[in-house]
Structure formats: structure tokens, C-alpha cells
C-alpha atoms as a PDB file:
ATOM      1  CA  UNK A   1     308.271 110.156 -19.629  1.00  0.00           C
ATOM      2  CA  UNK A   2     307.926 109.741 -23.385  1.00  0.00           C
ATOM      3  CA  UNK A   3     310.345 111.728 -25.527  1.00  0.00           C
ATOM      4  CA  UNK A   4     308.888 113.276 -28.671  1.00  0.00           C
ATOM      5  CA  UNK A   5     311.191 112.965 -31.663  1.00  0.00           C
ATOM      6  CA  UNK A   6     311.759 116.086 -33.717  1.00  0.00           C
ATOM      7  CA  UNK A   7     313.655 114.809 -36.739  1.00  0.00           C
ATOM      8  CA  UNK A   8     312.934 117.018 -39.740  1.00  0.00           C
ATOM      9  CA  UNK A   9     311.213 114.367 -41.857  1.00  0.00           C
ATOM     10  CA  UNK A  10     308.923 113.560 -38.906  1.00  0.00           C
ATOM     11  CA  UNK A  11     308.217 117.264 -38.352  1.00  0.00           C
ATOM     12  CA  UNK A  12     307.639 118.062 -42.049  1.00  0.00           C
ATOM     13  CA  UNK A  13     306.557 114.805 -43.752  1.00  0.00           C
ATOM     14  CA  UNK A  14     305.060 116.646 -46.733  1.00  0.00           C
ATOM     15  CA  UNK A  15     308.604 117.801 -47.618  1.00  0.00           C
ATOM     16  CA  UNK A  16     310.239 114.362 -47.484  1.00  0.00           C
ATOM     17  CA  UNK A  17     311.315 114.423 -51.145  1.00  0.00           C
ATOM     18  CA  UNK A  18     312.487 118.053 -51.060  1.00  0.00           C
ATOM     19  CA  UNK A  19     314.504 117.368 -47.896  1.00  0.00           C
ATOM     20  CA  UNK A  20     316.326 114.513 -49.586  1.00  0.00           C
ATOM     21  CA  UNK A  21     316.864 116.503 -52.773  1.00  0.00           C
ATOM     22  CA  UNK A  22     318.208 119.585 -50.994  1.00  0.00           C
ATOM     23  CA  UNK A  23     320.460 117.504 -48.746  1.00  0.00           C
ATOM     24  CA  UNK A  24     322.084 116.124 -51.884  1.00  0.00           C
ATOM     25  CA  UNK A  25     322.255 119.349 -53.930  1.00  0.00           C
ATOM     26  CA  UNK A  26     322.576 122.270 -51.499  1.00  0.00           C
ATOM     27  CA  UNK A  27     325.608 122.373 -49.193  1.00  0.00           C
ATOM     28  CA  UNK A  28     324.120 125.124 -47.009  1.00  0.00           C
ATOM     29  CA  UNK A  29     320.872 123.184 -46.517  1.00  0.00           C
ATOM     30  CA  UNK A  30     322.854 120.038 -45.750  1.00  0.00           C
ATOM     31  CA  UNK A  31     324.947 121.885 -43.135  1.00  0.00           C
ATOM     32  CA  UNK A  32     321.841 123.350 -41.451  1.00  0.00           C
ATOM     33  CA  UNK A  33     320.121 119.949 -41.606  1.00  0.00           C
ATOM     34  CA  UNK A  34     323.058 118.256 -39.862  1.00  0.00           C
ATOM     35  CA  UNK A  35     323.220 121.008 -37.238  1.00  0.00           C
ATOM     36  CA  UNK A  36     319.451 120.714 -36.636  1.00  0.00           C
ATOM     37  CA  UNK A  37     319.769 116.982 -36.044  1.00  0.00           C
ATOM     38  CA  UNK A  38     322.805 117.381 -33.764  1.00  0.00           C
ATOM     39  CA  UNK A  39     320.909 119.894 -31.624  1.00  0.00           C
ATOM     40  CA  UNK A  40     317.835 117.654 -31.619  1.00  0.00           C
ATOM     41  CA  UNK A  41     319.884 114.705 -30.367  1.00  0.00           C
ATOM     42  CA  UNK A  42     321.344 116.843 -27.587  1.00  0.00           C
ATOM     43  CA  UNK A  43     317.892 118.039 -26.501  1.00  0.00           C
ATOM     44  CA  UNK A  44     316.484 114.503 -26.560  1.00  0.00           C
ATOM     45  CA  UNK A  45     319.355 113.282 -24.356  1.00  0.00           C
ATOM     46  CA  UNK A  46     318.649 116.100 -21.909  1.00  0.00           C
ATOM     47  CA  UNK A  47     314.923 115.376 -21.896  1.00  0.00           C
ATOM     48  CA  UNK A  48     315.601 111.686 -21.277  1.00  0.00           C
ATOM     49  CA  UNK A  49     318.001 112.712 -18.499  1.00  0.00           C
ATOM     50  CA  UNK A  50     320.816 110.776 -20.181  1.00  0.00           C
ATOM     51  CA  UNK A  51     322.883 113.945 -20.350  1.00  0.00           C
ATOM     52  CA  UNK A  52     322.393 116.269 -17.376  1.00  0.00           C
ATOM     53  CA  UNK A  53     321.953 119.946 -18.156  1.00  0.00           C
ATOM     54  CA  UNK A  54     320.426 123.023 -16.639  1.00  0.00           C
ATOM     55  CA  UNK A  55     316.960 124.090 -17.690  1.00  0.00           C
ATOM     56  CA  UNK A  56     318.510 127.228 -19.186  1.00  0.00           C
ATOM     57  CA  UNK A  57     320.866 125.201 -21.386  1.00  0.00           C
ATOM     58  CA  UNK A  58     318.051 122.945 -22.548  1.00  0.00           C
ATOM     59  CA  UNK A  59     315.810 125.913 -23.352  1.00  0.00           C
ATOM     60  CA  UNK A  60     318.606 127.663 -25.265  1.00  0.00           C
ATOM     61  CA  UNK A  61     319.118 124.548 -27.385  1.00  0.00           C
ATOM     62  CA  UNK A  62     315.380 124.311 -28.048  1.00  0.00           C
ATOM     63  CA  UNK A  63     315.364 127.923 -29.270  1.00  0.00           C
ATOM     64  CA  UNK A  64     318.385 127.200 -31.478  1.00  0.00           C
ATOM     65  CA  UNK A  65     316.602 124.136 -32.890  1.00  0.00           C
ATOM     66  CA  UNK A  66     313.522 126.238 -33.633  1.00  0.00           C
ATOM     67  CA  UNK A  67     315.585 128.854 -35.490  1.00  0.00           C
ATOM     68  CA  UNK A  68     317.292 126.134 -37.536  1.00  0.00           C
ATOM     69  CA  UNK A  69     313.927 124.552 -38.327  1.00  0.00           C
ATOM     70  CA  UNK A  70     312.573 127.946 -39.458  1.00  0.00           C
ATOM     71  CA  UNK A  71     315.542 128.410 -41.803  1.00  0.00           C
ATOM     72  CA  UNK A  72     315.206 124.897 -43.204  1.00  0.00           C
ATOM     73  CA  UNK A  73     311.449 125.312 -43.663  1.00  0.00           C
ATOM     74  CA  UNK A  74     311.957 128.586 -45.551  1.00  0.00           C
ATOM     75  CA  UNK A  75     314.462 126.889 -47.859  1.00  0.00           C
ATOM     76  CA  UNK A  76     312.049 123.981 -48.433  1.00  0.00           C
ATOM     77  CA  UNK A  77     309.179 126.333 -49.279  1.00  0.00           C
ATOM     78  CA  UNK A  78     311.383 128.291 -51.672  1.00  0.00           C
ATOM     79  CA  UNK A  79     312.453 125.077 -53.444  1.00  0.00           C
ATOM     80  CA  UNK A  80     308.921 123.765 -53.852  1.00  0.00           C
END
């Protein structure tokens, strides 16, 4: 099974420059960005069955990732 990568630059390529800029200048954005990528790595390990987890745990992490992505996207749109 192929694992789809959900890194933020891959998900929102049109915001590549803003992502980099906000990571460097906005501590809150940087914190959310790091948390998003940590959660994404956990989900990808579960999907690849490297790290066993219940379906409930995996789904909860996916929801958390989606909420983080929504917050990051809102910050990117506001900075544009």
C-alpha cells in the first residue's frame, strides 16, 4: 500500500514562500507547523504499519492533523 505524504509544503505548494517566512518570523506558526509534522509522521507510521495503533487512535490523529492544517492555512491566508 502506498502512503500519501501530507507535509504542509506538499499540501499547499502555492504557499511555499509564506510557509518559510512564517516559520522564521512567527513563533506560534512555527510551533503549529512542528506539531503538524509530528502528527503527520505518526499517522504515516501507523498507515505503513510500522507503529501499531488502533483505528480509533489513527482517526483521532488524522482529525488533529486536519485541525492543525486548518489553523496553519488560516494564518497563511491572513499573511498573504
